[in-house]
Amino acid sequence: MIPKRVELENFLSFGTPPVAVAFADDEPLWVLGGPNGVGKSAVFDAMTFALYGCHRGGKENHKQLVRHGADA
């Protein structure tokens, strides 16, 4: 599977409004970079959760993925 786009809202370190990460078709390699806590791993957690229904913590405690202070 080749990801095309991921949109995150109230998911781990991402809040509101939604943030879209687009992966260009003409790029052979993608790199996500930035300081600690900005959401690099959250992008991959979102893809894993969307595809397989689990996250780094396993298949339980999905409420951990909702940003602190958000309803859903």
PDB file of N, CA and C in Angstrom:
ATOM      1  N   MET A   1       0.830  -1.174   0.000  1.00  0.00           N
ATOM      2  CA  MET A   1       0.000   0.000   0.000  1.00  0.00           C
ATOM      3  C   MET A   1       0.881   1.246   0.000  1.00  0.00           C
ATOM      4  N   ILE A   2       0.537   2.202  -0.819  1.00  0.00           N
ATOM      5  CA  ILE A   2       1.259   3.467  -0.873  1.00  0.00           C
ATOM      6  C   ILE A   2       0.311   4.561  -0.391  1.00  0.00           C
ATOM      7  N   PRO A   3       0.631   5.203   0.722  1.00  0.00           N
ATOM      8  CA  PRO A   3      -0.262   6.258   1.215  1.00  0.00           C
ATOM      9  C   PRO A   3      -0.249   7.468   0.295  1.00  0.00           C
ATOM     10  N   LYS A   4      -1.395   8.106   0.177  1.00  0.00           N
ATOM     11  CA  LYS A   4      -1.528   9.314  -0.637  1.00  0.00           C
ATOM     12  C   LYS A   4      -1.701  10.553   0.229  1.00  0.00           C
ATOM     13  N   ARG A   5      -2.462  10.395   1.316  1.00  0.00           N
ATOM     14  CA  ARG A   5      -2.790  11.554   2.153  1.00  0.00           C
ATOM     15  C   ARG A   5      -3.277  11.061   3.511  1.00  0.00           C
ATOM     16  N   VAL A   6      -2.920  11.786   4.543  1.00  0.00           N
ATOM     17  CA  VAL A   6      -3.404  11.516   5.892  1.00  0.00           C
ATOM     18  C   VAL A   6      -3.909  12.839   6.452  1.00  0.00           C
ATOM     19  N   GLU A   7      -5.116  12.835   6.996  1.00  0.00           N
ATOM     20  CA  GLU A   7      -5.667  14.045   7.626  1.00  0.00           C
ATOM     21  C   GLU A   7      -5.897  13.747   9.104  1.00  0.00           C
ATOM     22  N   LEU A   8      -5.336  14.594   9.956  1.00  0.00           N
ATOM     23  CA  LEU A   8      -5.391  14.366  11.397  1.00  0.00           C
ATOM     24  C   LEU A   8      -6.087  15.521  12.093  1.00  0.00           C
ATOM     25  N   GLU A   9      -7.029  15.179  12.980  1.00  0.00           N
ATOM     26  CA  GLU A   9      -7.718  16.177  13.804  1.00  0.00           C
ATOM     27  C   GLU A   9      -7.962  15.566  15.173  1.00  0.00           C
ATOM     28  N   ASN A  10      -7.494  16.258  16.218  1.00  0.00           N
ATOM     29  CA  ASN A  10      -7.626  15.786  17.595  1.00  0.00           C
ATOM     30  C   ASN A  10      -7.081  14.370  17.771  1.00  0.00           C
ATOM     31  N   PHE A  11      -5.997  14.103  17.092  1.00  0.00           N
ATOM     32  CA  PHE A  11      -5.332  12.796  17.160  1.00  0.00           C
ATOM     33  C   PHE A  11      -3.941  13.017  17.739  1.00  0.00           C
ATOM     34  N   LEU A  12      -3.702  12.477  18.928  1.00  0.00           N
ATOM     35  CA  LEU A  12      -2.441  12.633  19.644  1.00  0.00           C
ATOM     36  C   LEU A  12      -2.026  14.095  19.708  1.00  0.00           C
ATOM     37  N   SER A  13      -0.911  14.496  19.111  1.00  0.00           N
ATOM     38  CA  SER A  13      -0.437  15.882  19.241  1.00  0.00           C
ATOM     39  C   SER A  13      -1.108  16.849  18.261  1.00  0.00           C
ATOM     40  N   PHE A  14      -1.946  16.362  17.365  1.00  0.00           N
ATOM     41  CA  PHE A  14      -2.632  17.221  16.390  1.00  0.00           C
ATOM     42  C   PHE A  14      -3.974  17.672  16.946  1.00  0.00           C
ATOM     43  N   GLY A  15      -4.267  18.956  16.821  1.00  0.00           N
ATOM     44  CA  GLY A  15      -5.518  19.504  17.339  1.00  0.00           C
ATOM     45  C   GLY A  15      -6.472  19.892  16.230  1.00  0.00           C
ATOM     46  N   THR A  16      -7.116  21.031  16.408  1.00  0.00           N
ATOM     47  CA  THR A  16      -8.077  21.561  15.450  1.00  0.00           C
ATOM     48  C   THR A  16      -7.533  22.875  14.930  1.00  0.00           C
ATOM     49  N   PRO A  17      -7.672  23.200  13.675  1.00  0.00           N
ATOM     50  CA  PRO A  17      -8.323  22.506  12.566  1.00  0.00           C
ATOM     51  C   PRO A  17      -7.502  21.304  12.089  1.00  0.00           C
ATOM     52  N   PRO A  18      -8.103  20.479  11.230  1.00  0.00           N
ATOM     53  CA  PRO A  18      -7.394  19.300  10.740  1.00  0.00           C
ATOM     54  C   PRO A  18      -6.116  19.679   9.984  1.00  0.00           C
ATOM     55  N   VAL A  19      -5.124  18.804  10.086  1.00  0.00           N
ATOM     56  CA  VAL A  19      -3.861  18.977   9.364  1.00  0.00           C
ATOM     57  C   VAL A  19      -3.752  17.844   8.361  1.00  0.00           C
ATOM     58  N   ALA A  20      -3.505  18.174   7.103  1.00  0.00           N
ATOM     59  CA  ALA A  20      -3.355  17.157   6.062  1.00  0.00           C
ATOM     60  C   ALA A  20      -1.886  17.003   5.702  1.00  0.00           C
ATOM     61  N   VAL A  21      -1.445  15.760   5.623  1.00  0.00           N
ATOM     62  CA  VAL A  21      -0.099  15.439   5.167  1.00  0.00           C
ATOM     63  C   VAL A  21      -0.272  14.706   3.847  1.00  0.00           C
ATOM     64  N   ALA A  22       0.206  15.302   2.758  1.00  0.00           N
ATOM     65  CA  ALA A  22       0.069  14.698   1.427  1.00  0.00           C
ATOM     66  C   ALA A  22       1.404  14.140   0.974  1.00  0.00           C
ATOM     67  N   PHE A  23       1.364  12.964   0.404  1.00  0.00           N
ATOM     68  CA  PHE A  23       2.553  12.304  -0.117  1.00  0.00           C
ATOM     69  C   PHE A  23       2.492  12.368  -1.637  1.00  0.00           C
ATOM     70  N   ALA A  24       3.449  13.036  -2.260  1.00  0.00           N
ATOM     71  CA  ALA A  24       3.450  13.226  -3.709  1.00  0.00           C
ATOM     72  C   ALA A  24       3.791  11.924  -4.430  1.00  0.00           C
ATOM     73  N   ASP A  25       3.137  11.713  -5.562  1.00  0.00           N
ATOM     74  CA  ASP A  25       3.375  10.499  -6.349  1.00  0.00           C
ATOM     75  C   ASP A  25       4.765  10.461  -6.976  1.00  0.00           C
ATOM     76  N   ASP A  26       5.335  11.619  -7.239  1.00  0.00           N
ATOM     77  CA  ASP A  26       6.603  11.658  -7.961  1.00  0.00           C
ATOM     78  C   ASP A  26       7.824  11.612  -7.050  1.00  0.00           C
ATOM     79  N   GLU A  27       7.616  11.400  -5.763  1.00  0.00           N
ATOM     80  CA  GLU A  27       8.735  11.345  -4.817  1.00  0.00           C
ATOM     81  C   GLU A  27       9.023   9.890  -4.434  1.00  0.00           C
ATOM     82  N   PRO A  28      10.267   9.423  -4.638  1.00  0.00           N
ATOM     83  CA  PRO A  28      10.584   8.036  -4.287  1.00  0.00           C
ATOM     84  C   PRO A  28      10.816   7.812  -2.793  1.00  0.00           C
ATOM     85  N   LEU A  29      11.009   8.905  -2.028  1.00  0.00           N
ATOM     86  CA  LEU A  29      11.306   8.785  -0.607  1.00  0.00           C
ATOM     87  C   LEU A  29      10.663   9.945   0.136  1.00  0.00           C
ATOM     88  N   TRP A  30      10.080   9.654   1.306  1.00  0.00           N
ATOM     89  CA  TRP A  30       9.474  10.698   2.133  1.00  0.00           C
ATOM     90  C   TRP A  30      10.197  10.730   3.462  1.00  0.00           C
ATOM     91  N   VAL A  31      10.390  11.928   3.985  1.00  0.00           N
ATOM     92  CA  VAL A  31      11.025  12.100   5.285  1.00  0.00           C
ATOM     93  C   VAL A  31      10.166  13.052   6.102  1.00  0.00           C
ATOM     94  N   LEU A  32       9.832  12.648   7.307  1.00  0.00           N
ATOM     95  CA  LEU A  32       9.141  13.529   8.242  1.00  0.00           C
ATOM     96  C   LEU A  32      10.175  13.953   9.275  1.00  0.00           C
ATOM     97  N   GLY A  33      10.369  15.240   9.396  1.00  0.00           N
ATOM     98  CA  GLY A  33      11.364  15.736  10.329  1.00  0.00           C
ATOM     99  C   GLY A  33      10.808  16.853  11.186  1.00  0.00           C
ATOM    100  N   GLY A  34      11.408  17.050  12.339  1.00  0.00           N
ATOM    101  CA  GLY A  34      11.004  18.127  13.224  1.00  0.00           C
ATOM    102  C   GLY A  34      11.397  17.823  14.651  1.00  0.00           C
ATOM    103  N   PRO A  35      11.194  18.808  15.536  1.00  0.00           N
ATOM    104  CA  PRO A  35      11.537  18.613  16.944  1.00  0.00           C
ATOM    105  C   PRO A  35      10.633  17.577  17.623  1.00  0.00           C
ATOM    106  N   ASN A  36      11.040  17.157  18.810  1.00  0.00           N
ATOM    107  CA  ASN A  36      10.232  16.214  19.592  1.00  0.00           C
ATOM    108  C   ASN A  36       8.855  16.798  19.880  1.00  0.00           C
ATOM    109  N   GLY A  37       7.841  15.937  19.805  1.00  0.00           N
ATOM    110  CA  GLY A  37       6.498  16.324  20.197  1.00  0.00           C
ATOM    111  C   GLY A  37       5.658  17.017  19.141  1.00  0.00           C
ATOM    112  N   VAL A  38       6.153  17.122  17.905  1.00  0.00           N
ATOM    113  CA  VAL A  38       5.367  17.820  16.881  1.00  0.00           C
ATOM    114  C   VAL A  38       4.441  16.898  16.101  1.00  0.00           C
ATOM    115  N   GLY A  39       4.574  15.577  16.269  1.00  0.00           N
ATOM    116  CA  GLY A  39       3.621  14.660  15.659  1.00  0.00           C
ATOM    117  C   GLY A  39       4.150  13.770  14.551  1.00  0.00           C
ATOM    118  N   LYS A  40       5.442  13.613  14.465  1.00  0.00           N
ATOM    119  CA  LYS A  40       5.999  12.748  13.413  1.00  0.00           C
ATOM    120  C   LYS A  40       5.487  11.312  13.563  1.00  0.00           C
ATOM    121  N   SER A  41       5.603  10.769  14.743  1.00  0.00           N
ATOM    122  CA  SER A  41       5.133   9.398  14.981  1.00  0.00           C
ATOM    123  C   SER A  41       3.623   9.290  14.890  1.00  0.00           C
ATOM    124  N   ALA A  42       2.913  10.367  15.209  1.00  0.00           N
ATOM    125  CA  ALA A  42       1.449  10.353  15.150  1.00  0.00           C
ATOM    126  C   ALA A  42       0.949  10.119  13.732  1.00  0.00           C
ATOM    127  N   VAL A  43       1.690  10.591  12.738  1.00  0.00           N
ATOM    128  CA  VAL A  43       1.295  10.359  11.343  1.00  0.00           C
ATOM    129  C   VAL A  43       1.278   8.860  11.070  1.00  0.00           C
ATOM    130  N   PHE A  44       2.304   8.159  11.509  1.00  0.00           N
ATOM    131  CA  PHE A  44       2.365   6.714  11.298  1.00  0.00           C
ATOM    132  C   PHE A  44       1.389   5.969  12.203  1.00  0.00           C
ATOM    133  N   ASP A  45       1.161   6.473  13.407  1.00  0.00           N
ATOM    134  CA  ASP A  45       0.147   5.880  14.284  1.00  0.00           C
ATOM    135  C   ASP A  45      -1.235   5.979  13.641  1.00  0.00           C
ATOM    136  N   ALA A  46      -1.523   7.091  13.000  1.00  0.00           N
ATOM    137  CA  ALA A  46      -2.819   7.274  12.346  1.00  0.00           C
ATOM    138  C   ALA A  46      -2.990   6.283  11.203  1.00  0.00           C
ATOM    139  N   MET A  47      -1.949   6.094  10.407  1.00  0.00           N
ATOM    140  CA  MET A  47      -2.038   5.138   9.299  1.00  0.00           C
ATOM    141  C   MET A  47      -2.226   3.720   9.820  1.00  0.00           C
ATOM    142  N   THR A  48      -1.486   3.365  10.864  1.00  0.00           N
ATOM    143  CA  THR A  48      -1.608   2.026  11.444  1.00  0.00           C
ATOM    144  C   THR A  48      -2.993   1.810  12.028  1.00  0.00           C
ATOM    145  N   PHE A  49      -3.519   2.827  12.718  1.00  0.00           N
ATOM    146  CA  PHE A  49      -4.846   2.707  13.316  1.00  0.00           C
ATOM    147  C   PHE A  49      -5.924   2.603  12.235  1.00  0.00           C
ATOM    148  N   ALA A  50      -5.804   3.404  11.184  1.00  0.00           N
ATOM    149  CA  ALA A  50      -6.798   3.373  10.105  1.00  0.00           C
ATOM    150  C   ALA A  50      -6.797   2.024   9.380  1.00  0.00           C
ATOM    151  N   LEU A  51      -5.632   1.454   9.184  1.00  0.00           N
ATOM    152  CA  LEU A  51      -5.539   0.196   8.441  1.00  0.00           C
ATOM    153  C   LEU A  51      -5.803  -1.044   9.283  1.00  0.00           C
ATOM    154  N   TYR A  52      -5.311  -1.049  10.521  1.00  0.00           N
ATOM    155  CA  TYR A  52      -5.344  -2.276  11.314  1.00  0.00           C
ATOM    156  C   TYR A  52      -6.131  -2.182  12.617  1.00  0.00           C
ATOM    157  N   GLY A  53      -6.597  -0.985  12.980  1.00  0.00           N
ATOM    158  CA  GLY A  53      -7.393  -0.827  14.191  1.00  0.00           C
ATOM    159  C   GLY A  53      -6.606  -0.965  15.476  1.00  0.00           C
ATOM    160  N   CYS A  54      -5.291  -0.798  15.408  1.00  0.00           N
ATOM    161  CA  CYS A  54      -4.483  -0.857  16.621  1.00  0.00           C
ATOM    162  C   CYS A  54      -3.442   0.253  16.572  1.00  0.00           C
ATOM    163  N   HIS A  55      -2.789   0.463  17.689  1.00  0.00           N
ATOM    164  CA  HIS A  55      -1.772   1.503  17.793  1.00  0.00           C
ATOM    165  C   HIS A  55      -0.616   0.954  18.607  1.00  0.00           C
ATOM    166  N   ARG A  56       0.363   1.786  18.904  1.00  0.00           N
ATOM    167  CA  ARG A  56       1.543   1.313  19.636  1.00  0.00           C
ATOM    168  C   ARG A  56       1.182   0.685  20.970  1.00  0.00           C
ATOM    169  N   GLY A  57       0.077   1.096  21.551  1.00  0.00           N
ATOM    170  CA  GLY A  57      -0.356   0.551  22.827  1.00  0.00           C
ATOM    171  C   GLY A  57      -1.165  -0.727  22.699  1.00  0.00           C
ATOM    172  N   GLY A  58      -1.402  -1.198  21.486  1.00  0.00           N
ATOM    173  CA  GLY A  58      -2.177  -2.416  21.264  1.00  0.00           C
ATOM    174  C   GLY A  58      -3.544  -2.114  20.678  1.00  0.00           C
ATOM    175  N   LYS A  59      -4.474  -3.038  20.869  1.00  0.00           N
ATOM    176  CA  LYS A  59      -5.814  -2.883  20.310  1.00  0.00           C
ATOM    177  C   LYS A  59      -6.805  -2.289  21.294  1.00  0.00           C
ATOM    178  N   GLU A  60      -6.372  -2.034  22.510  1.00  0.00           N
ATOM    179  CA  GLU A  60      -7.259  -1.483  23.528  1.00  0.00           C
ATOM    180  C   GLU A  60      -6.857  -0.045  23.848  1.00  0.00           C
ATOM    181  N   ASN A  61      -7.676   0.613  24.632  1.00  0.00           N
ATOM    182  CA  ASN A  61      -7.415   1.984  25.077  1.00  0.00           C
ATOM    183  C   ASN A  61      -7.298   2.977  23.922  1.00  0.00           C
ATOM    184  N   HIS A  62      -8.250   2.913  22.999  1.00  0.00           N
ATOM    185  CA  HIS A  62      -8.247   3.847  21.871  1.00  0.00           C
ATOM    186  C   HIS A  62      -8.441   5.288  22.317  1.00  0.00           C
ATOM    187  N   LYS A  63      -8.997   5.475  23.504  1.00  0.00           N
ATOM    188  CA  LYS A  63      -9.203   6.843  24.001  1.00  0.00           C
ATOM    189  C   LYS A  63      -7.876   7.569  24.197  1.00  0.00           C
ATOM    190  N   GLN A  64      -6.785   6.840  24.315  1.00  0.00           N
ATOM    191  CA  GLN A  64      -5.466   7.462  24.452  1.00  0.00           C
ATOM    192  C   GLN A  64      -5.066   8.235  23.193  1.00  0.00           C
ATOM    193  N   LEU A  65      -5.685   7.912  22.072  1.00  0.00           N
ATOM    194  CA  LEU A  65      -5.329   8.552  20.812  1.00  0.00           C
ATOM    195  C   LEU A  65      -5.992   9.916  20.629  1.00  0.00           C
ATOM    196  N   VAL A  66      -7.045  10.195  21.413  1.00  0.00           N
ATOM    197  CA  VAL A  66      -7.751  11.471  21.312  1.00  0.00           C
ATOM    198  C   VAL A  66      -6.942  12.526  22.058  1.00  0.00           C
ATOM    199  N   ARG A  67      -6.746  13.654  21.419  1.00  0.00           N
ATOM    200  CA  ARG A  67      -5.966  14.742  22.010  1.00  0.00           C
ATOM    201  C   ARG A  67      -6.551  15.155  23.356  1.00  0.00           C
ATOM    202  N   HIS A  68      -5.709  15.427  24.325  1.00  0.00           N
ATOM    203  CA  HIS A  68      -6.163  15.857  25.658  1.00  0.00           C
ATOM    204  C   HIS A  68      -7.003  17.125  25.540  1.00  0.00           C
ATOM    205  N   GLY A  69      -8.168  17.119  26.145  1.00  0.00           N
ATOM    206  CA  GLY A  69      -9.061  18.268  26.113  1.00  0.00           C
ATOM    207  C   GLY A  69     -10.070  18.231  24.989  1.00  0.00           C
ATOM    208  N   ALA A  70      -9.942  17.287  24.037  1.00  0.00           N
ATOM    209  CA  ALA A  70     -10.891  17.160  22.939  1.00  0.00           C
ATOM    210  C   ALA A  70     -11.945  16.118  23.286  1.00  0.00           C
ATOM    211  N   ASP A  71     -13.133  16.277  22.699  1.00  0.00           N
ATOM    212  CA  ASP A  71     -14.230  15.332  22.987  1.00  0.00           C
ATOM    213  C   ASP A  71     -14.099  14.030  22.190  1.00  0.00           C
ATOM    214  N   ALA A  72     -13.624  14.145  20.963  1.00  0.00           N
ATOM    215  CA  ALA A  72     -13.544  12.944  20.108  1.00  0.00           C
ATOM    216  C   ALA A  72     -12.492  13.127  19.047  1.00  0.00           C
TER     217      ALA A  72
END
